[in-house]
Amino acid sequence: MIRPTLKRSIICFAALAIPATAQDFSEGSEAREWGLYAEQKALFTATVTDPLCVLAGDCADNCGAGNRQVVLVREADDVMIFPLKNAQSAFNGAVADLAPFCGQTVDVDGLLIEDPEIGAMSVYMVQRIRPEGGDWQRANTWTDDWAAKNPDASGDGPWFRRDPRVRQQIEEEGYLGLGKEVDKAFIADWF
């Protein structure tokens, strides 16, 4: 049974995530297209905020200081947009780029994915951010942010092969997440 507070939060979340009418936010966008299904250029003004705070009242200082997901509440229609990617090609998250603007109104330019048939609503890939009165800046700080937080993980190869959290998870649960014995059998069978 879902608690009444959680149920209200889910209903509120659904109402915020689904726009009343589809709008075109492509005018003036300089976003680079990726050729992804249902992508559309989108330039809009929004407030950077913490979704846990908005939906459940679980508020952390400074939107969690980069340790929580952030969202964009679009000024034009109060729709909650989920920036799940920044401008980097490795599909890195957007928190490192947006968290410094917690509680502020910014202009963002990027790609919006919306297709109700597949359940993709208000998913955003932010490529540029412009704070009020400021200049545009590229949303590409994730890799530098990760490197600063993981100075002992330098070396060749993609970041996720060197990330201490990923390596610990593999050590504890194996590559498949089912334990080392299952990994051993899988590798012997497939390779």
N, C-alpha and C. Protein backbone atom coordinates (compact mmCIF):
# COMPACT_ATOMS: atom_id res chain seq x y z
N MET A 1 0.84 -1.18 0.00
CA MET A 1 0.00 0.00 0.00
C MET A 1 0.87 1.24 0.00
N ILE A 2 0.56 2.19 -0.86
CA ILE A 2 1.34 3.42 -0.95
C ILE A 2 0.82 4.41 0.08
N ARG A 3 1.75 4.98 0.86
CA ARG A 3 1.37 5.97 1.86
C ARG A 3 0.76 7.19 1.17
N PRO A 4 -0.20 7.87 1.81
CA PRO A 4 -0.87 9.03 1.20
C PRO A 4 0.11 10.12 0.77
N THR A 5 1.15 10.39 1.58
CA THR A 5 2.12 11.43 1.22
C THR A 5 2.87 11.05 -0.03
N LEU A 6 3.31 9.79 -0.11
CA LEU A 6 4.02 9.32 -1.30
C LEU A 6 3.10 9.35 -2.51
N LYS A 7 1.85 8.95 -2.31
CA LYS A 7 0.88 8.95 -3.40
C LYS A 7 0.69 10.37 -3.95
N ARG A 8 0.57 11.35 -3.05
CA ARG A 8 0.43 12.75 -3.49
C ARG A 8 1.68 13.20 -4.25
N SER A 9 2.85 12.78 -3.77
CA SER A 9 4.10 13.15 -4.44
C SER A 9 4.16 12.57 -5.84
N ILE A 10 3.72 11.32 -5.99
CA ILE A 10 3.73 10.68 -7.31
C ILE A 10 2.77 11.40 -8.25
N ILE A 11 1.58 11.75 -7.75
CA ILE A 11 0.61 12.46 -8.58
C ILE A 11 1.16 13.83 -8.95
N CYS A 12 1.77 14.53 -7.99
CA CYS A 12 2.36 15.85 -8.26
C CYS A 12 3.48 15.73 -9.30
N PHE A 13 4.31 14.70 -9.14
CA PHE A 13 5.40 14.46 -10.07
C PHE A 13 4.87 14.25 -11.49
N ALA A 14 3.85 13.42 -11.62
CA ALA A 14 3.27 13.14 -12.93
C ALA A 14 2.67 14.41 -13.53
N ALA A 15 2.02 15.22 -12.73
CA ALA A 15 1.42 16.46 -13.24
C ALA A 15 2.50 17.43 -13.69
N LEU A 16 3.61 17.50 -12.96
CA LEU A 16 4.70 18.41 -13.34
C LEU A 16 5.42 17.93 -14.58
N ALA A 17 5.50 16.63 -14.77
CA ALA A 17 6.29 16.07 -15.87
C ALA A 17 5.56 16.10 -17.21
N ILE A 18 4.24 16.23 -17.20
CA ILE A 18 3.49 16.18 -18.45
C ILE A 18 2.95 17.56 -18.78
N PRO A 19 3.40 18.16 -19.85
CA PRO A 19 2.91 19.49 -20.20
C PRO A 19 1.45 19.44 -20.63
N ALA A 20 0.73 20.52 -20.33
CA ALA A 20 -0.69 20.59 -20.71
C ALA A 20 -0.82 20.60 -22.23
N THR A 21 0.02 21.33 -22.91
CA THR A 21 0.02 21.33 -24.37
C THR A 21 1.46 21.33 -24.84
N ALA A 22 1.71 20.63 -25.92
CA ALA A 22 3.07 20.57 -26.45
C ALA A 22 3.47 21.94 -26.98
N GLN A 23 4.66 22.37 -26.63
CA GLN A 23 5.15 23.66 -27.09
C GLN A 23 6.45 23.44 -27.86
N ASP A 24 6.75 24.38 -28.73
CA ASP A 24 7.97 24.32 -29.51
C ASP A 24 8.98 25.28 -28.88
N PHE A 25 10.06 24.74 -28.37
CA PHE A 25 11.11 25.55 -27.74
C PHE A 25 12.37 25.60 -28.60
N SER A 26 12.24 25.28 -29.88
CA SER A 26 13.42 25.20 -30.75
C SER A 26 13.92 26.56 -31.25
N GLU A 27 13.07 27.58 -31.22
CA GLU A 27 13.47 28.89 -31.76
C GLU A 27 14.70 29.43 -31.03
N GLY A 28 15.72 29.77 -31.80
CA GLY A 28 16.95 30.34 -31.26
C GLY A 28 17.94 29.32 -30.72
N SER A 29 17.56 28.06 -30.68
CA SER A 29 18.45 27.03 -30.15
C SER A 29 19.64 26.82 -31.07
N GLU A 30 20.81 26.68 -30.48
CA GLU A 30 22.03 26.36 -31.21
C GLU A 30 22.55 24.97 -30.83
N ALA A 31 21.66 24.17 -30.27
CA ALA A 31 22.06 22.83 -29.82
C ALA A 31 22.51 21.98 -31.00
N ARG A 32 23.50 21.15 -30.73
CA ARG A 32 23.99 20.21 -31.73
C ARG A 32 23.12 18.96 -31.68
N GLU A 33 22.54 18.59 -32.80
CA GLU A 33 21.69 17.40 -32.86
C GLU A 33 22.53 16.14 -32.78
N TRP A 34 21.96 15.09 -32.16
CA TRP A 34 22.64 13.82 -32.01
C TRP A 34 22.03 12.73 -32.88
N GLY A 35 20.87 13.00 -33.44
CA GLY A 35 20.19 11.99 -34.24
C GLY A 35 19.49 10.96 -33.39
N LEU A 36 19.14 11.32 -32.17
CA LEU A 36 18.44 10.40 -31.27
C LEU A 36 16.95 10.42 -31.55
N TYR A 37 16.31 9.31 -31.32
CA TYR A 37 14.87 9.20 -31.53
C TYR A 37 14.13 10.24 -30.68
N ALA A 38 13.21 10.96 -31.28
CA ALA A 38 12.32 11.92 -30.62
C ALA A 38 13.04 13.15 -30.08
N GLU A 39 14.29 13.38 -30.48
CA GLU A 39 14.99 14.57 -30.00
C GLU A 39 14.48 15.81 -30.72
N GLN A 40 14.49 16.92 -30.02
CA GLN A 40 14.17 18.21 -30.62
C GLN A 40 14.99 19.28 -29.90
N LYS A 41 15.47 20.24 -30.64
CA LYS A 41 16.21 21.34 -30.03
C LYS A 41 15.29 22.09 -29.08
N ALA A 42 15.85 22.53 -27.97
CA ALA A 42 15.03 23.23 -26.98
C ALA A 42 15.86 24.25 -26.21
N LEU A 43 15.44 25.49 -26.31
CA LEU A 43 16.05 26.62 -25.59
C LEU A 43 14.95 27.22 -24.73
N PHE A 44 15.18 27.28 -23.42
CA PHE A 44 14.16 27.84 -22.52
C PHE A 44 14.79 28.35 -21.24
N THR A 45 14.01 29.10 -20.48
CA THR A 45 14.41 29.63 -19.18
C THR A 45 13.80 28.74 -18.12
N ALA A 46 14.60 28.43 -17.09
CA ALA A 46 14.13 27.53 -16.03
C ALA A 46 14.84 27.83 -14.72
N THR A 47 14.26 27.33 -13.64
CA THR A 47 14.89 27.40 -12.33
C THR A 47 15.51 26.05 -12.02
N VAL A 48 16.76 26.06 -11.59
CA VAL A 48 17.46 24.84 -11.20
C VAL A 48 17.05 24.51 -9.77
N THR A 49 16.59 23.28 -9.56
CA THR A 49 16.14 22.91 -8.22
C THR A 49 16.35 21.42 -7.95
N ASP A 50 16.05 21.03 -6.73
CA ASP A 50 16.20 19.67 -6.24
C ASP A 50 14.83 18.98 -6.30
N PRO A 51 14.67 17.93 -7.10
CA PRO A 51 13.36 17.30 -7.22
C PRO A 51 12.86 16.67 -5.92
N LEU A 52 13.76 16.14 -5.09
CA LEU A 52 13.34 15.56 -3.81
C LEU A 52 12.75 16.64 -2.90
N CYS A 53 13.28 17.82 -2.98
CA CYS A 53 12.77 18.92 -2.19
C CYS A 53 11.39 19.35 -2.69
N VAL A 54 11.25 19.50 -4.01
CA VAL A 54 9.99 19.94 -4.60
C VAL A 54 8.89 18.91 -4.38
N LEU A 55 9.19 17.65 -4.59
CA LEU A 55 8.16 16.61 -4.57
C LEU A 55 7.89 16.00 -3.20
N ALA A 56 8.91 15.91 -2.37
CA ALA A 56 8.74 15.19 -1.11
C ALA A 56 9.10 16.01 0.13
N GLY A 57 9.56 17.25 -0.06
CA GLY A 57 9.94 18.06 1.09
C GLY A 57 11.26 17.65 1.71
N ASP A 58 12.02 16.78 1.05
CA ASP A 58 13.33 16.33 1.53
C ASP A 58 14.38 17.26 0.93
N CYS A 59 14.61 18.37 1.60
CA CYS A 59 15.46 19.42 1.05
C CYS A 59 16.86 19.37 1.65
N ALA A 60 17.84 19.44 0.80
CA ALA A 60 19.24 19.48 1.22
C ALA A 60 19.81 20.86 0.86
N ASP A 61 20.78 21.30 1.62
CA ASP A 61 21.42 22.58 1.31
C ASP A 61 22.00 22.55 -0.09
N ASN A 62 21.82 23.63 -0.82
CA ASN A 62 22.43 23.81 -2.13
C ASN A 62 22.13 22.66 -3.09
N CYS A 63 20.88 22.17 -3.07
CA CYS A 63 20.44 21.07 -3.95
C CYS A 63 21.29 19.81 -3.78
N GLY A 64 21.86 19.64 -2.60
CA GLY A 64 22.68 18.45 -2.36
C GLY A 64 24.13 18.62 -2.76
N ALA A 65 24.51 19.82 -3.15
CA ALA A 65 25.90 20.14 -3.49
C ALA A 65 26.50 19.16 -4.49
N GLY A 66 25.71 18.78 -5.49
CA GLY A 66 26.21 17.89 -6.55
C GLY A 66 26.04 16.42 -6.26
N ASN A 67 25.48 16.07 -5.11
CA ASN A 67 25.29 14.66 -4.75
C ASN A 67 23.87 14.17 -5.00
N ARG A 68 23.02 15.02 -5.54
CA ARG A 68 21.65 14.65 -5.88
C ARG A 68 21.38 15.05 -7.32
N GLN A 69 20.41 14.40 -7.90
CA GLN A 69 19.94 14.81 -9.22
C GLN A 69 19.32 16.20 -9.09
N VAL A 70 19.42 17.00 -10.13
CA VAL A 70 18.74 18.30 -10.16
C VAL A 70 17.76 18.29 -11.32
N VAL A 71 16.81 19.20 -11.27
CA VAL A 71 15.83 19.33 -12.34
C VAL A 71 15.73 20.80 -12.73
N LEU A 72 15.11 21.02 -13.88
CA LEU A 72 14.84 22.36 -14.37
C LEU A 72 13.32 22.54 -14.38
N VAL A 73 12.82 23.53 -13.67
CA VAL A 73 11.40 23.85 -13.73
C VAL A 73 11.25 24.97 -14.75
N ARG A 74 10.69 24.60 -15.90
CA ARG A 74 10.61 25.51 -17.04
C ARG A 74 9.66 26.66 -16.73
N GLU A 75 10.14 27.87 -16.96
CA GLU A 75 9.38 29.09 -16.66
C GLU A 75 8.10 29.22 -17.49
N ALA A 76 8.14 28.81 -18.74
CA ALA A 76 7.01 29.01 -19.65
C ALA A 76 5.76 28.24 -19.23
N ASP A 77 5.93 27.07 -18.58
CA ASP A 77 4.76 26.24 -18.28
C ASP A 77 4.87 25.46 -16.97
N ASP A 78 5.89 25.75 -16.17
CA ASP A 78 6.11 25.07 -14.88
C ASP A 78 6.28 23.56 -15.00
N VAL A 79 6.71 23.07 -16.15
CA VAL A 79 6.97 21.65 -16.33
C VAL A 79 8.36 21.33 -15.76
N MET A 80 8.44 20.21 -15.05
CA MET A 80 9.71 19.76 -14.50
C MET A 80 10.45 18.97 -15.58
N ILE A 81 11.62 19.47 -15.97
CA ILE A 81 12.45 18.87 -17.01
C ILE A 81 13.62 18.16 -16.34
N PHE A 82 13.93 16.96 -16.81
CA PHE A 82 14.99 16.14 -16.21
C PHE A 82 16.26 16.17 -17.06
N PRO A 83 17.25 16.97 -16.67
CA PRO A 83 18.50 17.03 -17.42
C PRO A 83 19.39 15.84 -17.08
N LEU A 84 19.33 14.81 -17.89
CA LEU A 84 20.04 13.58 -17.59
C LEU A 84 21.41 13.47 -18.26
N LYS A 85 21.74 14.42 -19.10
CA LYS A 85 23.00 14.36 -19.83
C LYS A 85 23.52 15.76 -20.06
N ASN A 86 24.84 15.89 -20.12
CA ASN A 86 25.43 17.18 -20.48
C ASN A 86 25.91 17.11 -21.93
N ALA A 87 26.76 18.05 -22.35
CA ALA A 87 27.18 18.15 -23.75
C ALA A 87 28.28 17.17 -24.13
N GLN A 88 28.84 16.45 -23.19
CA GLN A 88 29.93 15.54 -23.49
C GLN A 88 29.42 14.28 -24.19
N SER A 89 30.24 13.73 -25.05
CA SER A 89 29.82 12.59 -25.87
C SER A 89 29.71 11.28 -25.08
N ALA A 90 30.23 11.23 -23.88
CA ALA A 90 30.22 9.99 -23.10
C ALA A 90 28.92 9.81 -22.31
N PHE A 91 27.90 10.59 -22.62
CA PHE A 91 26.62 10.53 -21.92
C PHE A 91 26.81 10.70 -20.42
N ASN A 92 27.58 11.72 -20.06
CA ASN A 92 27.79 12.06 -18.66
C ASN A 92 26.60 12.86 -18.15
N GLY A 93 26.38 12.80 -16.85
CA GLY A 93 25.27 13.52 -16.25
C GLY A 93 25.46 15.03 -16.26
N ALA A 94 24.38 15.75 -15.95
CA ALA A 94 24.39 17.20 -16.01
C ALA A 94 24.47 17.85 -14.63
N VAL A 95 24.51 17.07 -13.56
CA VAL A 95 24.49 17.64 -12.21
C VAL A 95 25.68 18.56 -11.97
N ALA A 96 26.88 18.14 -12.36
CA ALA A 96 28.07 18.97 -12.12
C ALA A 96 27.94 20.34 -12.79
N ASP A 97 27.26 20.38 -13.92
CA ASP A 97 27.11 21.64 -14.64
C ASP A 97 26.00 22.52 -14.05
N LEU A 98 24.93 21.90 -13.58
CA LEU A 98 23.76 22.66 -13.12
C LEU A 98 23.73 22.94 -11.62
N ALA A 99 24.30 22.09 -10.79
CA ALA A 99 24.23 22.26 -9.34
C ALA A 99 24.74 23.63 -8.86
N PRO A 100 25.78 24.20 -9.47
CA PRO A 100 26.22 25.52 -9.02
C PRO A 100 25.14 26.61 -9.17
N PHE A 101 24.10 26.33 -9.94
CA PHE A 101 23.03 27.30 -10.16
C PHE A 101 21.78 26.98 -9.35
N CYS A 102 21.90 26.16 -8.32
CA CYS A 102 20.76 25.75 -7.50
C CYS A 102 19.97 26.98 -7.04
N GLY A 103 18.65 26.94 -7.30
CA GLY A 103 17.77 28.03 -6.89
C GLY A 103 17.78 29.24 -7.80
N GLN A 104 18.60 29.19 -8.84
CA GLN A 104 18.71 30.33 -9.75
C GLN A 104 17.93 30.07 -11.04
N THR A 105 17.59 31.16 -11.70
CA THR A 105 16.96 31.07 -13.00
C THR A 105 18.06 31.17 -14.06
N VAL A 106 18.04 30.23 -15.00
CA VAL A 106 19.05 30.17 -16.06
C VAL A 106 18.35 29.95 -17.40
N ASP A 107 19.04 30.27 -18.47
CA ASP A 107 18.63 29.86 -19.80
C ASP A 107 19.43 28.60 -20.11
N VAL A 108 18.78 27.63 -20.71
CA VAL A 108 19.46 26.40 -21.09
C VAL A 108 19.17 26.12 -22.56
N ASP A 109 20.12 25.51 -23.23
CA ASP A 109 19.98 25.15 -24.63
C ASP A 109 20.46 23.71 -24.76
N GLY A 110 19.66 22.89 -25.41
CA GLY A 110 20.03 21.49 -25.56
C GLY A 110 19.00 20.72 -26.35
N LEU A 111 18.92 19.44 -26.09
CA LEU A 111 17.99 18.56 -26.80
C LEU A 111 16.97 17.99 -25.83
N LEU A 112 15.71 18.09 -26.20
CA LEU A 112 14.61 17.58 -25.40
C LEU A 112 14.07 16.33 -26.07
N ILE A 113 13.86 15.28 -25.29
CA ILE A 113 13.28 14.04 -25.81
C ILE A 113 11.91 13.89 -25.19
N GLU A 114 10.92 13.83 -26.07
CA GLU A 114 9.54 13.64 -25.60
C GLU A 114 8.81 12.73 -26.58
N ASP A 115 8.32 11.62 -26.07
CA ASP A 115 7.48 10.72 -26.85
C ASP A 115 6.61 9.95 -25.88
N PRO A 116 5.35 10.35 -25.74
CA PRO A 116 4.46 9.70 -24.78
C PRO A 116 4.26 8.21 -25.05
N GLU A 117 4.38 7.80 -26.31
CA GLU A 117 4.17 6.39 -26.64
C GLU A 117 5.20 5.48 -26.01
N ILE A 118 6.42 5.97 -25.86
CA ILE A 118 7.47 5.14 -25.23
C ILE A 118 7.72 5.57 -23.79
N GLY A 119 6.96 6.54 -23.31
CA GLY A 119 7.10 6.98 -21.92
C GLY A 119 8.23 7.94 -21.68
N ALA A 120 8.80 8.52 -22.72
CA ALA A 120 9.88 9.50 -22.56
C ALA A 120 9.26 10.89 -22.52
N MET A 121 9.26 11.50 -21.36
CA MET A 121 8.69 12.83 -21.23
C MET A 121 9.67 13.73 -20.49
N SER A 122 9.94 14.86 -21.07
CA SER A 122 10.72 15.90 -20.42
C SER A 122 12.14 15.46 -20.04
N VAL A 123 12.75 14.63 -20.88
CA VAL A 123 14.14 14.23 -20.71
C VAL A 123 14.99 15.20 -21.51
N TYR A 124 16.02 15.74 -20.87
CA TYR A 124 16.78 16.84 -21.49
C TYR A 124 18.27 16.55 -21.47
N MET A 125 18.93 16.97 -22.54
CA MET A 125 20.38 16.90 -22.64
C MET A 125 20.89 18.33 -22.78
N VAL A 126 21.32 18.90 -21.67
CA VAL A 126 21.74 20.30 -21.66
C VAL A 126 23.13 20.44 -22.28
N GLN A 127 23.24 21.38 -23.22
CA GLN A 127 24.52 21.61 -23.88
C GLN A 127 25.14 22.96 -23.49
N ARG A 128 24.26 23.93 -23.19
CA ARG A 128 24.76 25.26 -22.79
C ARG A 128 23.88 25.80 -21.67
N ILE A 129 24.51 26.60 -20.79
CA ILE A 129 23.81 27.24 -19.68
C ILE A 129 24.21 28.71 -19.65
N ARG A 130 23.19 29.56 -19.41
CA ARG A 130 23.49 31.00 -19.29
C ARG A 130 22.78 31.52 -18.03
N PRO A 131 23.56 31.88 -17.01
CA PRO A 131 22.93 32.45 -15.82
C PRO A 131 22.39 33.84 -16.13
N GLU A 132 21.45 34.31 -15.31
CA GLU A 132 20.90 35.66 -15.53
C GLU A 132 22.03 36.68 -15.55
N GLY A 133 22.04 37.49 -16.61
CA GLY A 133 23.05 38.53 -16.74
C GLY A 133 24.43 38.02 -17.13
N GLY A 134 24.56 36.73 -17.40
CA GLY A 134 25.87 36.15 -17.72
C GLY A 134 25.99 35.73 -19.16
N ASP A 135 27.09 35.09 -19.46
CA ASP A 135 27.36 34.58 -20.81
C ASP A 135 27.07 33.08 -20.86
N TRP A 136 26.89 32.59 -22.07
CA TRP A 136 26.70 31.16 -22.27
C TRP A 136 27.97 30.42 -21.86
N GLN A 137 27.80 29.27 -21.25
CA GLN A 137 28.92 28.39 -20.94
C GLN A 137 28.54 26.97 -21.32
N ARG A 138 29.50 26.22 -21.82
CA ARG A 138 29.25 24.84 -22.23
C ARG A 138 29.02 23.97 -21.01
N ALA A 139 28.12 23.03 -21.14
CA ALA A 139 27.84 22.08 -20.07
C ALA A 139 28.72 20.86 -20.30
N ASN A 140 29.96 20.96 -19.85
CA ASN A 140 30.92 19.88 -20.11
C ASN A 140 31.90 19.69 -18.95
N THR A 141 31.46 19.95 -17.74
CA THR A 141 32.38 19.88 -16.60
C THR A 141 32.42 18.53 -15.89
N TRP A 142 31.57 17.58 -16.30
CA TRP A 142 31.47 16.33 -15.56
C TRP A 142 32.81 15.59 -15.47
N THR A 143 33.50 15.44 -16.57
CA THR A 143 34.75 14.67 -16.57
C THR A 143 35.80 15.33 -15.67
N ASP A 144 35.93 16.65 -15.75
CA ASP A 144 36.88 17.35 -14.88
C ASP A 144 36.47 17.23 -13.42
N ASP A 145 35.17 17.32 -13.15
CA ASP A 145 34.65 17.17 -11.79
C ASP A 145 34.96 15.77 -11.26
N TRP A 146 34.72 14.74 -12.09
CA TRP A 146 35.01 13.37 -11.68
C TRP A 146 36.51 13.20 -11.40
N ALA A 147 37.36 13.73 -12.27
CA ALA A 147 38.81 13.60 -12.10
C ALA A 147 39.27 14.27 -10.80
N ALA A 148 38.70 15.44 -10.47
CA ALA A 148 39.06 16.13 -9.23
C ALA A 148 38.63 15.33 -8.00
N LYS A 149 37.50 14.64 -8.08
CA LYS A 149 37.01 13.84 -6.96
C LYS A 149 37.71 12.49 -6.84
N ASN A 150 38.41 12.07 -7.91
CA ASN A 150 39.05 10.76 -7.94
C ASN A 150 40.50 10.87 -8.41
N PRO A 151 41.34 11.60 -7.68
CA PRO A 151 42.72 11.82 -8.14
C PRO A 151 43.56 10.55 -8.24
N ASP A 152 43.17 9.52 -7.49
CA ASP A 152 43.94 8.27 -7.52
C ASP A 152 43.47 7.33 -8.62
N ALA A 153 42.53 7.76 -9.44
CA ALA A 153 41.98 6.90 -10.50
C ALA A 153 42.47 7.31 -11.88
N SER A 154 43.64 7.91 -11.93
CA SER A 154 44.18 8.32 -13.23
C SER A 154 44.63 7.10 -14.01
N GLY A 155 44.83 7.29 -15.29
CA GLY A 155 45.29 6.19 -16.13
C GLY A 155 44.57 6.19 -17.46
N ASP A 156 44.82 5.14 -18.22
CA ASP A 156 44.22 5.03 -19.54
C ASP A 156 42.84 4.38 -19.45
N GLY A 157 42.08 4.59 -20.49
CA GLY A 157 40.77 3.97 -20.58
C GLY A 157 39.67 4.87 -20.07
N PRO A 158 38.43 4.45 -20.31
CA PRO A 158 37.29 5.27 -19.89
C PRO A 158 37.21 5.38 -18.37
N TRP A 159 36.61 6.47 -17.89
CA TRP A 159 36.53 6.75 -16.46
C TRP A 159 35.89 5.61 -15.67
N PHE A 160 34.85 4.99 -16.23
CA PHE A 160 34.11 3.99 -15.47
C PHE A 160 34.93 2.74 -15.19
N ARG A 161 35.98 2.49 -15.96
CA ARG A 161 36.85 1.34 -15.69
C ARG A 161 37.81 1.64 -14.53
N ARG A 162 37.95 2.93 -14.21
CA ARG A 162 38.86 3.36 -13.15
C ARG A 162 38.14 3.88 -11.92
N ASP A 163 36.84 4.08 -12.01
CA ASP A 163 36.08 4.67 -10.91
C ASP A 163 36.09 3.75 -9.69
N PRO A 164 36.49 4.26 -8.51
CA PRO A 164 36.55 3.42 -7.31
C PRO A 164 35.20 2.81 -6.94
N ARG A 165 34.12 3.54 -7.13
CA ARG A 165 32.79 3.01 -6.80
C ARG A 165 32.42 1.84 -7.70
N VAL A 166 32.72 1.98 -8.99
CA VAL A 166 32.43 0.91 -9.94
C VAL A 166 33.29 -0.31 -9.64
N ARG A 167 34.57 -0.07 -9.40
CA ARG A 167 35.48 -1.18 -9.11
C ARG A 167 35.08 -1.93 -7.82
N GLN A 168 34.63 -1.18 -6.82
CA GLN A 168 34.17 -1.80 -5.58
C GLN A 168 32.93 -2.65 -5.82
N GLN A 169 32.01 -2.13 -6.61
CA GLN A 169 30.78 -2.88 -6.91
C GLN A 169 31.11 -4.18 -7.65
N ILE A 170 32.02 -4.10 -8.61
CA ILE A 170 32.43 -5.31 -9.35
C ILE A 170 33.11 -6.30 -8.41
N GLU A 171 33.95 -5.78 -7.52
CA GLU A 171 34.64 -6.64 -6.56
C GLU A 171 33.64 -7.38 -5.66
N GLU A 172 32.59 -6.68 -5.24
CA GLU A 172 31.61 -7.27 -4.34
C GLU A 172 30.62 -8.20 -5.05
N GLU A 173 30.18 -7.81 -6.26
CA GLU A 173 29.09 -8.54 -6.89
C GLU A 173 29.41 -9.11 -8.27
N GLY A 174 30.63 -8.91 -8.74
CA GLY A 174 31.00 -9.41 -10.06
C GLY A 174 30.54 -8.48 -11.17
N TYR A 175 30.96 -8.78 -12.38
CA TYR A 175 30.63 -7.94 -13.53
C TYR A 175 29.14 -7.96 -13.87
N LEU A 176 28.50 -9.10 -13.66
CA LEU A 176 27.09 -9.23 -13.99
C LEU A 176 26.18 -8.86 -12.83
N GLY A 177 26.78 -8.62 -11.64
CA GLY A 177 25.98 -8.30 -10.47
C GLY A 177 25.36 -9.52 -9.82
N LEU A 178 25.79 -10.69 -10.22
CA LEU A 178 25.21 -11.94 -9.72
C LEU A 178 26.21 -12.76 -8.92
N GLY A 179 27.38 -12.22 -8.67
CA GLY A 179 28.41 -12.92 -7.92
C GLY A 179 29.53 -13.42 -8.82
N LYS A 180 30.68 -13.65 -8.22
CA LYS A 180 31.87 -14.04 -8.98
C LYS A 180 31.75 -15.44 -9.59
N GLU A 181 31.04 -16.34 -8.93
CA GLU A 181 30.87 -17.69 -9.47
C GLU A 181 30.06 -17.66 -10.77
N VAL A 182 29.03 -16.83 -10.80
CA VAL A 182 28.23 -16.70 -12.02
C VAL A 182 29.08 -16.07 -13.12
N ASP A 183 29.88 -15.05 -12.76
CA ASP A 183 30.79 -14.45 -13.74
C ASP A 183 31.72 -15.49 -14.33
N LYS A 184 32.30 -16.31 -13.45
CA LYS A 184 33.27 -17.33 -13.88
C LYS A 184 32.62 -18.29 -14.88
N ALA A 185 31.42 -18.75 -14.59
CA ALA A 185 30.71 -19.68 -15.48
C ALA A 185 30.35 -18.98 -16.79
N PHE A 186 29.90 -17.74 -16.71
CA PHE A 186 29.53 -16.98 -17.90
C PHE A 186 30.75 -16.78 -18.81
N ILE A 187 31.86 -16.37 -18.24
CA ILE A 187 33.08 -16.14 -19.03
C ILE A 187 33.56 -17.43 -19.67
N ALA A 188 33.53 -18.52 -18.93
CA ALA A 188 33.95 -19.82 -19.48
C ALA A 188 33.04 -20.25 -20.63
N ASP A 189 31.75 -19.98 -20.50
CA ASP A 189 30.78 -20.40 -21.51
C ASP A 189 30.84 -19.52 -22.75
N TRP A 190 31.00 -18.23 -22.56
CA TRP A 190 30.91 -17.28 -23.68
C TRP A 190 32.26 -16.89 -24.29
N PHE A 191 33.33 -17.03 -23.55
CA PHE A 191 34.62 -16.57 -24.07
C PHE A 191 35.57 -17.72 -24.04
